[in-house]
Amino acid sequence: MSKCSADETPVCCCMDVGTIVDNTDCTASYSREFASRAEAEETLAALTAKARGVESEPCEITSTFTEVEGGVRLDIDFAFSCEAESLIFQLGLR
């Protein structure tokens, strides 16, 4: 049997979920360029609705629109109250 670290189960060397999901990264970020600001605003509204569907406490959403050649870049940070919500949100976008 191989040696396992302190956060692993000795029987199968499985990791404890707390080892991976430790609430140190509760923010999900999104960045994309759009042809128009209207398209970017639609995406912001859709992603905000998805975040609201996942949150247990209000998610802090910070967005910026930047004019770029040929359109607009949208950058968004979604700060959830826990890392599990951030992961659920990100997986839901796939």
Protein backbone atom coordinates (compact mmCIF):
# COMPACT_ATOMS: atom_id res chain seq x y z
CA MET A 1 0.00 0.00 0.00
CA SER A 2 1.33 3.44 -0.84
CA LYS A 3 1.71 6.15 1.76
CA CYS A 4 -1.05 8.75 1.84
CA SER A 5 -0.92 12.34 3.00
CA ALA A 6 -2.74 13.47 6.14
CA ASP A 7 -5.75 14.58 4.11
CA GLU A 8 -6.17 11.25 2.33
CA THR A 9 -8.06 8.16 3.40
CA PRO A 10 -5.53 5.35 4.06
CA VAL A 11 -7.69 2.67 2.43
CA CYS A 12 -7.91 4.11 -1.07
CA CYS A 13 -5.81 7.29 -0.97
CA CYS A 14 -8.92 9.34 -1.78
CA MET A 15 -8.68 13.03 -1.00
CA ASP A 16 -11.02 14.77 1.38
CA VAL A 17 -13.17 17.35 -0.42
CA GLY A 18 -11.97 19.99 2.06
CA THR A 19 -8.47 19.54 0.66
CA ILE A 20 -9.60 20.75 -2.77
CA VAL A 21 -12.55 23.03 -1.94
CA ASP A 22 -11.21 25.11 0.93
CA ASN A 23 -13.06 28.42 0.33
CA THR A 24 -9.92 30.26 -0.75
CA ASP A 25 -11.17 30.90 -4.30
CA CYS A 26 -14.78 32.09 -4.23
CA THR A 27 -14.55 34.31 -7.31
CA ALA A 28 -15.40 33.31 -10.87
CA SER A 29 -14.29 35.62 -13.68
CA TYR A 30 -15.59 36.04 -17.23
CA SER A 31 -14.14 38.06 -20.09
CA ARG A 32 -15.22 38.25 -23.73
CA GLU A 33 -15.34 40.68 -26.64
CA PHE A 34 -18.63 41.47 -28.36
CA ALA A 35 -19.50 43.27 -31.59
CA SER A 36 -21.88 45.60 -29.74
CA ARG A 37 -22.57 46.83 -26.22
CA ALA A 38 -26.14 45.51 -26.49
CA GLU A 39 -24.81 41.94 -26.93
CA ALA A 40 -22.49 42.41 -23.96
CA GLU A 41 -25.35 43.70 -21.80
CA GLU A 42 -27.51 40.69 -22.77
CA THR A 43 -24.73 38.35 -21.72
CA LEU A 44 -24.24 40.23 -18.45
CA ALA A 45 -27.96 39.90 -17.70
CA ALA A 46 -27.96 36.16 -18.50
CA LEU A 47 -24.86 35.46 -16.40
CA THR A 48 -26.23 37.55 -13.53
CA ALA A 49 -29.43 35.47 -13.57
CA LYS A 50 -27.36 32.24 -13.49
CA ALA A 51 -25.32 33.55 -10.54
CA ARG A 52 -28.49 34.52 -8.68
CA GLY A 53 -29.77 30.96 -9.18
CA VAL A 54 -26.67 29.51 -7.48
CA GLU A 55 -26.07 31.96 -4.63
CA SER A 56 -27.03 31.21 -1.04
CA GLU A 57 -26.07 34.75 0.01
CA PRO A 58 -25.95 37.70 -2.37
CA CYS A 59 -23.17 37.28 -4.95
CA GLU A 60 -21.16 40.46 -5.49
CA ILE A 61 -21.05 41.08 -9.25
CA THR A 62 -18.59 43.61 -10.66
CA SER A 63 -18.66 44.31 -14.40
CA THR A 64 -16.77 46.63 -16.71
CA PHE A 65 -17.31 47.48 -20.36
CA THR A 66 -14.25 48.55 -22.33
CA GLU A 67 -14.35 49.90 -25.86
CA VAL A 68 -12.01 47.88 -28.10
CA GLU A 69 -11.35 47.91 -31.80
CA GLY A 70 -14.41 46.37 -33.42
CA GLY A 71 -16.61 46.26 -30.35
CA VAL A 72 -16.78 46.05 -26.58
CA ARG A 73 -14.99 43.83 -24.04
CA LEU A 74 -17.01 42.71 -21.04
CA ASP A 75 -15.15 41.70 -17.87
CA ILE A 76 -17.13 40.32 -14.93
CA ASP A 77 -16.15 39.06 -11.48
CA PHE A 78 -18.66 37.01 -9.51
CA ALA A 79 -17.71 36.87 -5.80
CA PHE A 80 -19.72 34.08 -4.17
CA SER A 81 -19.99 33.42 -0.44
CA CYS A 82 -18.31 30.01 -0.82
CA GLU A 83 -16.13 28.18 -3.31
CA ALA A 84 -18.71 25.45 -3.93
CA GLU A 85 -21.12 28.05 -5.36
CA SER A 86 -18.37 29.39 -7.60
CA LEU A 87 -17.67 25.87 -8.90
CA ILE A 88 -21.37 25.13 -9.47
CA PHE A 89 -21.73 28.41 -11.37
CA GLN A 90 -18.70 27.68 -13.56
CA LEU A 91 -19.79 24.12 -14.28
CA GLY A 92 -23.24 25.40 -15.24
CA LEU A 93 -21.66 27.54 -17.97
CA ARG A 94 -20.21 24.51 -19.76
